[in-house]
Every structure is written in structure tokens, then in C-alpha cells.
Amino acid sequence: MPTNPAIDQYINKVKPFAQPILTHLRKLVHQACPTAEETIKWGMPSFEYKGLMCGFAAFKQHCTFGFWKASLMSDPMLMQNAKTEDSMGHLGRITSIKDLPSDKKILDYIKEAMKLNDDGIKVVKAKPITQKELIIPAEIIAVIKKNKRAFATFENFSTSNKREYIDWINEAKTEATKEKRLMQAIEWMQEGKPRNWKYMKEYK
């Protein structure tokens, strides 16, 4: 099987408990896919077959094994684990070979991952959430304009900084609270401060 010395080095450096796990998984990948190419992606051993296919990693107390297109595979566990994408990997927390599914099941997983790449099926990335257009109520901007320094600060703010103030004011449950927040906002903007200045190092 075609091996990569970088992965040999990776396995040799991990904790002793992890070495037989990674060696076993590596063997199964090549058993199911003899033409798989070994590489290092994002600092972790990976296997390519007509594109990225799967990979493993070792941490202080556990190992992980995952598939690039797990979200498209038929096993409900893989699909569910693909939604979280946490440090447990698609096969869960692996601390010994006993934690792994059967060899047959892993081989079936790898063959399914190969077929997805054979068929050229791609993972559809979720569209980024676009923020709604910022609408500034006329009555709020009219009050801010009365204070030239505050208005100048507001005008020079980024859209996100403007939104933080406007949302904070609009979310007030009563008119009294809304007016109080608006006055506080003007005071802070007069000093050149964004809404969350208290949490920023430059204002401490």
C-alpha cells in the first residue's frame, strides 16, 4: 500500500494507547481502497481518493476517525455526528480498538465514501446568513443629531456598531426605558464609544 512517511511519524509520536488504533484504521482504509493516497491536512493524517475521503487524529486521551462527506452517508450515526463536528469525530470517542465498530462496518463506510467521490457528489455548504438591512427609526436619529459629537461618532460607526446601538434601544420594553437607553447611547457616543465599549481593552 502507498504510505506517507509523515503519517508514520505522526503515529510514532502519539500516545501509546493511540498507536494500535491509528495503525488499525490505516490498514482498513488501504484494505477497502488500495489506491488511497496518504497526506496531512490541517495537521492530521488524511486519505484521498478522487478528493478528500477520510482521516484520523489522536489527542491526549482519545482518537477520532471521520469522513469528509459523513453528512451524505447512509448511517444515521455518521449523519448525526457530522452535524456537530466536535472533537469526538464521526465514530465517537475512541480510546481502544474495542471502541471501534466492526471491521466490516468500517470497510463498508469507507467503500460508501469512495462511491460518493466516484459519483462526484459534493457537500453543499450552507449559505451564510445575511443580515437584514439596518433601519434607523427617524425619531432616534433626530435625537442623536441634536448632539453634534454623538452624531459624528454614529456616522463614522460601522454598520454593526450602529446596529448594536439601534437594536439595544429598540428592544426596550417601555418608552421610559427606550428613552433612558437613547440618552445613555448619546452620552457614550459623545465620548466616541461603541455600544459594548466596556468589554473592549482599549476602553479599560
N, C-alpha and C. Protein backbone atom coordinates (compact mmCIF):
# COMPACT_ATOMS: atom_id res chain seq x y z
N MET A 1 0.84 -1.19 0.00
CA MET A 1 0.00 0.00 0.00
C MET A 1 0.88 1.24 0.00
N PRO A 2 0.47 2.31 -0.73
CA PRO A 2 1.28 3.54 -0.77
C PRO A 2 1.17 4.27 0.56
N THR A 3 2.30 4.45 1.21
CA THR A 3 2.28 5.11 2.52
C THR A 3 3.07 6.40 2.49
N ASN A 4 2.78 7.25 3.45
CA ASN A 4 3.43 8.55 3.54
C ASN A 4 4.26 8.58 4.83
N PRO A 5 5.56 8.83 4.74
CA PRO A 5 6.42 8.85 5.94
C PRO A 5 5.92 9.83 7.00
N ALA A 6 5.23 10.90 6.57
CA ALA A 6 4.72 11.88 7.52
C ALA A 6 3.68 11.26 8.45
N ILE A 7 2.91 10.31 7.92
CA ILE A 7 1.91 9.65 8.76
C ILE A 7 2.59 8.63 9.68
N ASP A 8 3.64 7.98 9.19
CA ASP A 8 4.43 7.10 10.06
C ASP A 8 4.94 7.90 11.26
N GLN A 9 5.46 9.09 11.00
CA GLN A 9 5.99 9.92 12.07
C GLN A 9 4.88 10.35 13.03
N TYR A 10 3.72 10.67 12.47
CA TYR A 10 2.58 11.08 13.29
C TYR A 10 2.20 9.96 14.27
N ILE A 11 2.07 8.75 13.75
CA ILE A 11 1.68 7.62 14.58
C ILE A 11 2.73 7.31 15.64
N ASN A 12 4.00 7.46 15.27
CA ASN A 12 5.09 7.18 16.22
C ASN A 12 5.14 8.18 17.37
N LYS A 13 4.59 9.37 17.14
CA LYS A 13 4.69 10.42 18.15
C LYS A 13 3.49 10.47 19.09
N VAL A 14 2.38 9.82 18.72
CA VAL A 14 1.18 9.91 19.56
C VAL A 14 1.32 9.03 20.80
N LYS A 15 0.38 9.15 21.73
CA LYS A 15 0.40 8.36 22.95
C LYS A 15 0.34 6.86 22.62
N PRO A 16 0.96 6.03 23.44
CA PRO A 16 0.99 4.58 23.16
C PRO A 16 -0.40 3.95 22.96
N PHE A 17 -1.42 4.42 23.70
CA PHE A 17 -2.74 3.81 23.54
C PHE A 17 -3.30 4.06 22.15
N ALA A 18 -2.88 5.18 21.52
CA ALA A 18 -3.45 5.57 20.23
C ALA A 18 -2.80 4.86 19.04
N GLN A 19 -1.57 4.42 19.19
CA GLN A 19 -0.83 3.85 18.07
C GLN A 19 -1.52 2.64 17.44
N PRO A 20 -1.96 1.63 18.21
CA PRO A 20 -2.63 0.49 17.57
C PRO A 20 -3.97 0.87 16.94
N ILE A 21 -4.65 1.88 17.48
CA ILE A 21 -5.92 2.32 16.90
C ILE A 21 -5.70 2.92 15.52
N LEU A 22 -4.75 3.85 15.44
CA LEU A 22 -4.48 4.51 14.17
C LEU A 22 -3.90 3.54 13.14
N THR A 23 -3.05 2.65 13.60
CA THR A 23 -2.47 1.65 12.69
C THR A 23 -3.56 0.75 12.12
N HIS A 24 -4.50 0.37 12.95
CA HIS A 24 -5.60 -0.49 12.51
C HIS A 24 -6.50 0.24 11.51
N LEU A 25 -6.84 1.47 11.81
CA LEU A 25 -7.69 2.26 10.90
C LEU A 25 -6.99 2.48 9.55
N ARG A 26 -5.71 2.75 9.62
CA ARG A 26 -4.92 2.96 8.39
C ARG A 26 -4.96 1.70 7.52
N LYS A 27 -4.82 0.56 8.17
CA LYS A 27 -4.84 -0.72 7.45
C LYS A 27 -6.20 -0.94 6.78
N LEU A 28 -7.28 -0.61 7.49
CA LEU A 28 -8.61 -0.80 6.93
C LEU A 28 -8.87 0.12 5.74
N VAL A 29 -8.37 1.34 5.82
CA VAL A 29 -8.54 2.27 4.70
C VAL A 29 -7.91 1.71 3.45
N HIS A 30 -6.69 1.20 3.57
CA HIS A 30 -6.00 0.66 2.40
C HIS A 30 -6.58 -0.67 1.96
N GLN A 31 -7.18 -1.39 2.89
CA GLN A 31 -7.84 -2.65 2.51
C GLN A 31 -9.07 -2.37 1.64
N ALA A 32 -9.83 -1.37 2.04
CA ALA A 32 -11.03 -1.03 1.28
C ALA A 32 -10.71 -0.24 0.02
N CYS A 33 -9.66 0.57 0.10
CA CYS A 33 -9.31 1.45 -1.02
C CYS A 33 -7.80 1.39 -1.25
N PRO A 34 -7.33 0.39 -1.98
CA PRO A 34 -5.88 0.20 -2.19
C PRO A 34 -5.19 1.39 -2.85
N THR A 35 -5.95 2.22 -3.57
CA THR A 35 -5.33 3.36 -4.26
C THR A 35 -5.42 4.66 -3.46
N ALA A 36 -5.88 4.56 -2.22
CA ALA A 36 -5.98 5.78 -1.40
C ALA A 36 -4.60 6.40 -1.21
N GLU A 37 -4.52 7.71 -1.29
CA GLU A 37 -3.27 8.44 -1.11
C GLU A 37 -3.24 9.06 0.27
N GLU A 38 -2.13 8.87 0.96
CA GLU A 38 -1.99 9.44 2.30
C GLU A 38 -1.43 10.85 2.22
N THR A 39 -1.97 11.70 3.07
CA THR A 39 -1.50 13.08 3.12
C THR A 39 -1.75 13.64 4.51
N ILE A 40 -1.25 14.83 4.75
CA ILE A 40 -1.52 15.52 6.01
C ILE A 40 -2.34 16.76 5.69
N LYS A 41 -3.53 16.86 6.28
CA LYS A 41 -4.39 18.02 6.08
C LYS A 41 -4.71 18.61 7.45
N TRP A 42 -4.51 19.92 7.60
CA TRP A 42 -4.80 20.59 8.86
C TRP A 42 -4.09 19.90 10.03
N GLY A 43 -2.89 19.38 9.76
CA GLY A 43 -2.09 18.76 10.80
C GLY A 43 -2.51 17.35 11.17
N MET A 44 -3.46 16.77 10.40
CA MET A 44 -3.96 15.43 10.73
C MET A 44 -3.82 14.50 9.52
N PRO A 45 -3.51 13.21 9.76
CA PRO A 45 -3.41 12.25 8.68
C PRO A 45 -4.75 12.11 7.94
N SER A 46 -4.69 12.19 6.62
CA SER A 46 -5.90 12.11 5.80
C SER A 46 -5.66 11.18 4.63
N PHE A 47 -6.77 10.72 4.05
CA PHE A 47 -6.70 9.81 2.91
C PHE A 47 -7.53 10.38 1.76
N GLU A 48 -6.91 10.44 0.61
CA GLU A 48 -7.58 10.98 -0.57
C GLU A 48 -7.86 9.88 -1.58
N TYR A 49 -9.03 9.98 -2.16
CA TYR A 49 -9.41 9.10 -3.27
C TYR A 49 -10.37 9.91 -4.14
N LYS A 50 -9.83 10.43 -5.24
CA LYS A 50 -10.60 11.34 -6.08
C LYS A 50 -11.11 12.52 -5.26
N GLY A 51 -10.25 13.00 -4.39
CA GLY A 51 -10.61 14.07 -3.46
C GLY A 51 -10.49 13.58 -2.03
N LEU A 52 -10.68 14.45 -1.08
CA LEU A 52 -10.61 14.05 0.33
C LEU A 52 -11.67 13.00 0.64
N MET A 53 -11.30 11.99 1.43
CA MET A 53 -12.23 10.91 1.73
C MET A 53 -12.41 10.73 3.24
N CYS A 54 -11.32 10.56 3.99
CA CYS A 54 -11.44 10.34 5.43
C CYS A 54 -10.11 10.68 6.11
N GLY A 55 -10.12 10.60 7.42
CA GLY A 55 -8.89 10.88 8.15
C GLY A 55 -9.04 10.57 9.63
N PHE A 56 -7.91 10.52 10.33
CA PHE A 56 -7.96 10.26 11.77
C PHE A 56 -7.03 11.20 12.51
N ALA A 57 -7.19 11.21 13.84
CA ALA A 57 -6.34 12.06 14.67
C ALA A 57 -6.28 11.47 16.07
N ALA A 58 -5.23 11.81 16.79
CA ALA A 58 -5.06 11.35 18.17
C ALA A 58 -4.91 12.55 19.08
N PHE A 59 -5.58 12.49 20.23
CA PHE A 59 -5.50 13.54 21.23
C PHE A 59 -4.93 12.94 22.52
N LYS A 60 -4.97 13.67 23.61
CA LYS A 60 -4.35 13.19 24.85
C LYS A 60 -4.97 11.90 25.37
N GLN A 61 -6.31 11.81 25.23
CA GLN A 61 -6.99 10.66 25.84
C GLN A 61 -7.91 9.91 24.88
N HIS A 62 -7.98 10.33 23.64
CA HIS A 62 -8.84 9.61 22.70
C HIS A 62 -8.39 9.86 21.27
N CYS A 63 -8.94 9.06 20.37
CA CYS A 63 -8.70 9.20 18.93
C CYS A 63 -10.02 9.49 18.23
N THR A 64 -9.91 10.00 17.01
CA THR A 64 -11.11 10.24 16.20
C THR A 64 -10.88 9.71 14.79
N PHE A 65 -11.98 9.40 14.14
CA PHE A 65 -11.94 8.98 12.74
C PHE A 65 -13.15 9.60 12.07
N GLY A 66 -12.94 10.26 10.94
CA GLY A 66 -14.06 10.94 10.29
C GLY A 66 -14.01 10.86 8.78
N PHE A 67 -15.16 11.12 8.19
CA PHE A 67 -15.31 11.10 6.74
C PHE A 67 -15.63 12.51 6.23
N TRP A 68 -15.01 12.88 5.14
CA TRP A 68 -15.19 14.21 4.58
C TRP A 68 -16.65 14.46 4.22
N LYS A 69 -17.35 13.42 3.78
CA LYS A 69 -18.75 13.57 3.37
C LYS A 69 -19.69 12.77 4.27
N ALA A 70 -19.38 12.75 5.55
CA ALA A 70 -20.20 11.99 6.51
C ALA A 70 -21.66 12.41 6.48
N SER A 71 -21.91 13.70 6.23
CA SER A 71 -23.29 14.20 6.24
C SER A 71 -24.13 13.62 5.11
N LEU A 72 -23.46 13.02 4.11
CA LEU A 72 -24.18 12.45 2.97
C LEU A 72 -24.26 10.93 3.03
N MET A 73 -23.66 10.34 4.06
CA MET A 73 -23.62 8.88 4.14
C MET A 73 -24.90 8.33 4.78
N SER A 74 -25.16 7.05 4.57
CA SER A 74 -26.46 6.48 4.92
C SER A 74 -26.62 6.15 6.41
N ASP A 75 -25.53 5.97 7.14
CA ASP A 75 -25.64 5.60 8.54
C ASP A 75 -26.11 6.80 9.37
N PRO A 76 -27.22 6.67 10.11
CA PRO A 76 -27.75 7.80 10.90
C PRO A 76 -26.74 8.35 11.90
N MET A 77 -25.91 7.47 12.48
CA MET A 77 -24.92 7.94 13.44
C MET A 77 -23.92 8.88 12.79
N LEU A 78 -23.46 8.53 11.60
CA LEU A 78 -22.50 9.37 10.90
C LEU A 78 -23.12 10.72 10.56
N MET A 79 -24.34 10.68 10.06
CA MET A 79 -25.01 11.93 9.68
C MET A 79 -25.23 12.82 10.90
N GLN A 80 -25.64 12.21 12.01
CA GLN A 80 -25.89 12.99 13.22
C GLN A 80 -24.60 13.58 13.77
N ASN A 81 -23.55 12.78 13.82
CA ASN A 81 -22.26 13.28 14.32
C ASN A 81 -21.68 14.34 13.41
N ALA A 82 -22.00 14.25 12.11
CA ALA A 82 -21.49 15.25 11.17
C ALA A 82 -22.09 16.63 11.43
N LYS A 83 -23.26 16.66 12.06
CA LYS A 83 -23.91 17.94 12.34
C LYS A 83 -23.19 18.71 13.43
N THR A 84 -22.59 17.98 14.37
CA THR A 84 -21.94 18.65 15.49
C THR A 84 -20.48 19.00 15.19
N GLU A 85 -19.80 18.10 14.46
CA GLU A 85 -18.39 18.32 14.09
C GLU A 85 -17.54 18.71 15.30
N ASP A 86 -17.71 17.99 16.41
CA ASP A 86 -16.89 18.29 17.58
C ASP A 86 -15.65 17.40 17.60
N SER A 87 -14.90 17.44 18.70
CA SER A 87 -13.63 16.71 18.75
C SER A 87 -13.81 15.20 18.94
N MET A 88 -15.06 14.71 18.97
CA MET A 88 -15.29 13.28 19.13
C MET A 88 -15.26 12.53 17.79
N GLY A 89 -15.31 13.23 16.67
CA GLY A 89 -15.25 12.57 15.37
C GLY A 89 -16.55 11.85 15.03
N HIS A 90 -16.60 11.28 13.84
CA HIS A 90 -17.84 10.65 13.36
C HIS A 90 -18.09 9.27 13.96
N LEU A 91 -17.06 8.64 14.52
CA LEU A 91 -17.24 7.33 15.16
C LEU A 91 -17.27 7.45 16.68
N GLY A 92 -17.35 8.67 17.18
CA GLY A 92 -17.38 8.86 18.61
C GLY A 92 -15.99 8.85 19.22
N ARG A 93 -15.93 8.83 20.52
CA ARG A 93 -14.67 8.85 21.26
C ARG A 93 -14.04 7.45 21.22
N ILE A 94 -12.82 7.36 20.70
CA ILE A 94 -12.14 6.07 20.55
C ILE A 94 -10.94 6.04 21.49
N THR A 95 -10.99 5.15 22.48
CA THR A 95 -9.87 5.04 23.42
C THR A 95 -9.14 3.70 23.28
N SER A 96 -9.75 2.77 22.55
CA SER A 96 -9.10 1.48 22.27
C SER A 96 -9.76 0.89 21.03
N ILE A 97 -9.18 -0.15 20.49
CA ILE A 97 -9.75 -0.79 19.30
C ILE A 97 -11.14 -1.32 19.60
N LYS A 98 -11.41 -1.66 20.86
CA LYS A 98 -12.72 -2.18 21.24
C LYS A 98 -13.83 -1.15 21.05
N ASP A 99 -13.47 0.14 21.02
CA ASP A 99 -14.47 1.20 20.83
C ASP A 99 -14.90 1.34 19.38
N LEU A 100 -14.17 0.72 18.48
CA LEU A 100 -14.47 0.84 17.05
C LEU A 100 -15.63 -0.07 16.66
N PRO A 101 -16.39 0.32 15.63
CA PRO A 101 -17.35 -0.62 15.04
C PRO A 101 -16.60 -1.82 14.48
N SER A 102 -17.31 -2.81 14.03
CA SER A 102 -16.65 -3.98 13.45
C SER A 102 -15.86 -3.59 12.21
N ASP A 103 -14.85 -4.40 11.90
CA ASP A 103 -14.07 -4.12 10.70
C ASP A 103 -14.96 -4.06 9.47
N LYS A 104 -15.93 -4.96 9.39
CA LYS A 104 -16.83 -5.00 8.24
C LYS A 104 -17.58 -3.68 8.08
N LYS A 105 -18.06 -3.16 9.21
CA LYS A 105 -18.81 -1.90 9.14
C LYS A 105 -17.92 -0.75 8.70
N ILE A 106 -16.71 -0.70 9.24
CA ILE A 106 -15.78 0.37 8.85
C ILE A 106 -15.44 0.25 7.37
N LEU A 107 -15.21 -0.97 6.90
CA LEU A 107 -14.90 -1.19 5.47
C LEU A 107 -16.08 -0.72 4.61
N ASP A 108 -17.30 -1.00 5.08
CA ASP A 108 -18.49 -0.56 4.34
C ASP A 108 -18.56 0.96 4.30
N TYR A 109 -18.24 1.60 5.43
CA TYR A 109 -18.22 3.06 5.48
C TYR A 109 -17.25 3.62 4.44
N ILE A 110 -16.05 3.05 4.41
CA ILE A 110 -15.02 3.54 3.50
C ILE A 110 -15.44 3.35 2.05
N LYS A 111 -16.04 2.21 1.75
CA LYS A 111 -16.49 1.96 0.38
C LYS A 111 -17.61 2.92 -0.02
N GLU A 112 -18.47 3.26 0.95
CA GLU A 112 -19.52 4.23 0.65
C GLU A 112 -18.92 5.61 0.39
N ALA A 113 -17.90 5.96 1.19
CA ALA A 113 -17.22 7.24 0.99
C ALA A 113 -16.54 7.28 -0.37
N MET A 114 -15.98 6.14 -0.79
CA MET A 114 -15.36 6.05 -2.11
C MET A 114 -16.39 6.29 -3.21
N LYS A 115 -17.56 5.68 -3.06
CA LYS A 115 -18.60 5.80 -4.10
C LYS A 115 -19.07 7.25 -4.23
N LEU A 116 -19.17 7.94 -3.10
CA LEU A 116 -19.56 9.36 -3.16
C LEU A 116 -18.57 10.15 -3.99
N ASN A 117 -17.28 9.84 -3.81
CA ASN A 117 -16.26 10.53 -4.61
C ASN A 117 -16.26 10.05 -6.06
N ASP A 118 -16.52 8.74 -6.27
CA ASP A 118 -16.63 8.22 -7.64
C ASP A 118 -17.74 8.95 -8.40
N ASP A 119 -18.85 9.19 -7.71
CA ASP A 119 -20.01 9.81 -8.35
C ASP A 119 -19.91 11.33 -8.40
N GLY A 120 -18.84 11.86 -7.82
CA GLY A 120 -18.64 13.32 -7.86
C GLY A 120 -19.64 14.11 -7.04
N ILE A 121 -20.22 13.46 -6.03
CA ILE A 121 -21.22 14.15 -5.20
C ILE A 121 -20.49 15.07 -4.22
N LYS A 122 -20.94 16.29 -4.16
CA LYS A 122 -20.28 17.29 -3.32
C LYS A 122 -21.14 17.65 -2.11
N VAL A 123 -20.48 18.05 -1.05
CA VAL A 123 -21.18 18.53 0.14
C VAL A 123 -21.65 19.95 -0.14
N VAL A 124 -22.93 20.17 0.04
CA VAL A 124 -23.49 21.50 -0.20
C VAL A 124 -23.29 22.33 1.05
N LYS A 125 -22.54 23.40 0.91
CA LYS A 125 -22.28 24.27 2.06
C LYS A 125 -23.49 25.15 2.33
N ALA A 126 -23.78 25.32 3.62
CA ALA A 126 -24.90 26.18 4.00
C ALA A 126 -24.60 27.61 3.59
N LYS A 127 -25.61 28.29 3.09
CA LYS A 127 -25.44 29.68 2.69
C LYS A 127 -25.25 30.55 3.93
N PRO A 128 -24.32 31.48 3.85
CA PRO A 128 -24.11 32.35 5.01
C PRO A 128 -25.36 33.18 5.30
N ILE A 129 -25.61 33.39 6.58
CA ILE A 129 -26.77 34.18 6.95
C ILE A 129 -26.48 35.65 6.70
N THR A 130 -27.31 36.27 5.90
CA THR A 130 -27.12 37.68 5.59
C THR A 130 -27.95 38.53 6.56
N GLN A 131 -27.34 39.57 7.06
CA GLN A 131 -28.05 40.43 7.99
C GLN A 131 -29.07 41.29 7.26
N LYS A 132 -30.16 41.55 7.94
CA LYS A 132 -31.18 42.41 7.37
C LYS A 132 -30.66 43.83 7.25
N GLU A 133 -31.24 44.57 6.34
CA GLU A 133 -30.86 45.97 6.17
C GLU A 133 -31.12 46.72 7.48
N LEU A 134 -30.18 47.56 7.85
CA LEU A 134 -30.31 48.33 9.08
C LEU A 134 -31.29 49.48 8.86
N ILE A 135 -32.36 49.47 9.62
CA ILE A 135 -33.35 50.55 9.54
C ILE A 135 -33.26 51.37 10.82
N ILE A 136 -32.95 52.64 10.66
CA ILE A 136 -32.81 53.53 11.82
C ILE A 136 -34.07 54.38 11.93
N PRO A 137 -34.84 54.20 12.98
CA PRO A 137 -36.06 54.99 13.15
C PRO A 137 -35.77 56.49 13.12
N ALA A 138 -36.61 57.23 12.41
CA ALA A 138 -36.39 58.67 12.24
C ALA A 138 -36.34 59.40 13.58
N GLU A 139 -37.18 58.96 14.55
CA GLU A 139 -37.22 59.67 15.83
C GLU A 139 -35.92 59.49 16.62
N ILE A 140 -35.24 58.34 16.41
CA ILE A 140 -33.98 58.10 17.12
C ILE A 140 -32.86 58.93 16.52
N ILE A 141 -32.77 58.92 15.19
CA ILE A 141 -31.70 59.68 14.54
C ILE A 141 -31.87 61.18 14.76
N ALA A 142 -33.13 61.62 14.88
CA ALA A 142 -33.40 63.04 15.11
C ALA A 142 -32.84 63.48 16.46
N VAL A 143 -32.99 62.62 17.47
CA VAL A 143 -32.47 62.96 18.80
C VAL A 143 -30.95 62.93 18.80
N ILE A 144 -30.36 61.94 18.13
CA ILE A 144 -28.89 61.84 18.07
C ILE A 144 -28.30 63.06 17.38
N LYS A 145 -28.96 63.55 16.34
CA LYS A 145 -28.46 64.69 15.57
C LYS A 145 -28.33 65.95 16.42
N LYS A 146 -29.10 66.04 17.49
CA LYS A 146 -29.06 67.23 18.34
C LYS A 146 -27.73 67.37 19.07
N ASN A 147 -27.00 66.25 19.16
CA ASN A 147 -25.67 66.27 19.78
C ASN A 147 -24.64 66.04 18.67
N LYS A 148 -23.95 67.09 18.28
CA LYS A 148 -23.07 67.02 17.12
C LYS A 148 -21.97 65.98 17.27
N ARG A 149 -21.36 65.91 18.46
CA ARG A 149 -20.27 64.95 18.66
C ARG A 149 -20.79 63.52 18.62
N ALA A 150 -21.93 63.28 19.24
CA ALA A 150 -22.52 61.95 19.23
C ALA A 150 -22.90 61.55 17.81
N PHE A 151 -23.48 62.49 17.07
CA PHE A 151 -23.91 62.18 15.70
C PHE A 151 -22.70 61.91 14.81
N ALA A 152 -21.62 62.65 15.00
CA ALA A 152 -20.41 62.43 14.20
C ALA A 152 -19.85 61.03 14.47
N THR A 153 -19.87 60.63 15.74
CA THR A 153 -19.41 59.28 16.09
C THR A 153 -20.29 58.24 15.43
N PHE A 154 -21.60 58.45 15.54
CA PHE A 154 -22.56 57.49 14.97
C PHE A 154 -22.36 57.36 13.45
N GLU A 155 -22.18 58.47 12.78
CA GLU A 155 -22.00 58.46 11.33
C GLU A 155 -20.74 57.70 10.91
N ASN A 156 -19.71 57.75 11.75
CA ASN A 156 -18.45 57.08 11.42
C ASN A 156 -18.41 55.63 11.85
N PHE A 157 -19.44 55.18 12.57
CA PHE A 157 -19.52 53.79 13.00
C PHE A 157 -19.68 52.85 11.81
N SER A 158 -19.22 51.61 12.00
CA SER A 158 -19.53 50.56 11.02
C SER A 158 -21.00 50.20 11.16
N THR A 159 -21.53 49.48 10.19
CA THR A 159 -22.94 49.09 10.25
C THR A 159 -23.22 48.25 11.49
N SER A 160 -22.28 47.36 11.84
CA SER A 160 -22.50 46.50 13.01
C SER A 160 -22.54 47.32 14.30
N ASN A 161 -21.68 48.35 14.41
CA ASN A 161 -21.70 49.21 15.59
C ASN A 161 -22.99 50.01 15.69
N LYS A 162 -23.46 50.50 14.55
CA LYS A 162 -24.74 51.21 14.53
C LYS A 162 -25.88 50.28 14.96
N ARG A 163 -25.84 49.05 14.42
CA ARG A 163 -26.90 48.08 14.70
C ARG A 163 -26.96 47.75 16.20
N GLU A 164 -25.79 47.65 16.83
CA GLU A 164 -25.76 47.31 18.26
C GLU A 164 -26.50 48.36 19.09
N TYR A 165 -26.30 49.62 18.74
CA TYR A 165 -26.99 50.68 19.47
C TYR A 165 -28.48 50.70 19.16
N ILE A 166 -28.81 50.63 17.88
CA ILE A 166 -30.22 50.72 17.46
C ILE A 166 -31.02 49.54 18.01
N ASP A 167 -30.47 48.34 17.93
CA ASP A 167 -31.18 47.17 18.45
C ASP A 167 -31.37 47.28 19.95
N TRP A 168 -30.35 47.75 20.66
CA TRP A 168 -30.42 47.89 22.12
C TRP A 168 -31.54 48.87 22.51
N ILE A 169 -31.63 49.95 21.79
CA ILE A 169 -32.67 50.95 22.07
C ILE A 169 -34.06 50.41 21.71
N ASN A 170 -34.17 49.80 20.55
CA ASN A 170 -35.47 49.30 20.08
C ASN A 170 -36.00 48.14 20.91
N GLU A 171 -35.09 47.39 21.55
CA GLU A 171 -35.52 46.22 22.32
C GLU A 171 -36.09 46.59 23.69
N ALA A 172 -36.03 47.85 24.05
CA ALA A 172 -36.59 48.29 25.32
C ALA A 172 -38.08 48.01 25.36
N LYS A 173 -38.57 47.51 26.48
CA LYS A 173 -39.97 47.10 26.59
C LYS A 173 -40.92 48.26 26.89
N THR A 174 -40.38 49.34 27.42
CA THR A 174 -41.23 50.50 27.71
C THR A 174 -40.62 51.75 27.09
N GLU A 175 -41.45 52.77 26.90
CA GLU A 175 -40.96 54.02 26.34
C GLU A 175 -39.96 54.69 27.27
N ALA A 176 -40.19 54.54 28.57
CA ALA A 176 -39.27 55.14 29.55
C ALA A 176 -37.88 54.53 29.44
N THR A 177 -37.85 53.19 29.32
CA THR A 177 -36.56 52.50 29.19
C THR A 177 -35.90 52.85 27.86
N LYS A 178 -36.72 52.96 26.82
CA LYS A 178 -36.20 53.31 25.50
C LYS A 178 -35.54 54.68 25.52
N GLU A 179 -36.20 55.64 26.17
CA GLU A 179 -35.65 56.99 26.26
C GLU A 179 -34.37 57.01 27.09
N LYS A 180 -34.37 56.25 28.18
CA LYS A 180 -33.18 56.16 29.04
C LYS A 180 -32.00 55.59 28.28
N ARG A 181 -32.25 54.54 27.49
CA ARG A 181 -31.18 53.93 26.70
C ARG A 181 -30.67 54.88 25.62
N LEU A 182 -31.59 55.62 25.03
CA LEU A 182 -31.18 56.56 23.99
C LEU A 182 -30.28 57.64 24.57
N MET A 183 -30.62 58.13 25.75
CA MET A 183 -29.79 59.15 26.39
C MET A 183 -28.41 58.60 26.76
N GLN A 184 -28.41 57.34 27.24
CA GLN A 184 -27.14 56.69 27.57
C GLN A 184 -26.30 56.49 26.32
N ALA A 185 -26.95 56.10 25.23
CA ALA A 185 -26.24 55.89 23.96
C ALA A 185 -25.60 57.19 23.48
N ILE A 186 -26.32 58.28 23.59
CA ILE A 186 -25.78 59.57 23.15
C ILE A 186 -24.58 59.96 24.01
N GLU A 187 -24.68 59.72 25.31
CA GLU A 187 -23.56 60.04 26.20
C GLU A 187 -22.32 59.26 25.82
N TRP A 188 -22.49 57.96 25.55
CA TRP A 188 -21.34 57.14 25.17
C TRP A 188 -20.79 57.53 23.80
N MET A 189 -21.69 57.79 22.87
CA MET A 189 -21.23 58.16 21.52
C MET A 189 -20.53 59.52 21.54
N GLN A 190 -20.96 60.39 22.42
CA GLN A 190 -20.29 61.68 22.56
C GLN A 190 -18.83 61.49 22.97
N GLU A 191 -18.59 60.41 23.70
CA GLU A 191 -17.22 60.07 24.13
C GLU A 191 -16.51 59.18 23.11
N GLY A 192 -17.17 58.91 21.98
CA GLY A 192 -16.57 58.10 20.93
C GLY A 192 -16.62 56.61 21.18
N LYS A 193 -17.53 56.19 22.05
CA LYS A 193 -17.57 54.78 22.46
C LYS A 193 -18.64 53.98 21.71
N PRO A 194 -18.31 52.75 21.32
CA PRO A 194 -19.32 51.85 20.76
C PRO A 194 -20.19 51.28 21.88
N ARG A 195 -21.24 50.61 21.52
CA ARG A 195 -22.20 50.09 22.50
C ARG A 195 -21.54 49.18 23.55
N ASN A 196 -20.65 48.29 23.11
CA ASN A 196 -20.03 47.31 24.02
C ASN A 196 -18.62 47.71 24.44
N TRP A 197 -18.41 49.01 24.61
CA TRP A 197 -17.07 49.50 24.94
C TRP A 197 -16.53 48.92 26.25
N LYS A 198 -17.42 48.56 27.17
CA LYS A 198 -16.99 48.05 28.47
C LYS A 198 -16.20 46.75 28.34
N TYR A 199 -16.40 46.03 27.23
CA TYR A 199 -15.75 44.74 27.05
C TYR A 199 -14.51 44.83 26.15
N MET A 200 -14.14 46.07 25.77
CA MET A 200 -13.02 46.25 24.86
C MET A 200 -11.80 46.79 25.60
N LYS A 201 -10.66 46.18 25.35
CA LYS A 201 -9.43 46.52 26.06
C LYS A 201 -9.07 47.99 25.93
N GLU A 202 -9.30 48.59 24.75
CA GLU A 202 -8.85 49.96 24.54
C GLU A 202 -9.61 50.98 25.37
N TYR A 203 -10.75 50.56 25.95
CA TYR A 203 -11.54 51.49 26.76
C TYR A 203 -11.42 51.21 28.25
N LYS A 204 -10.53 50.26 28.62
CA LYS A 204 -10.37 49.92 30.03
C LYS A 204 -9.20 50.66 30.64
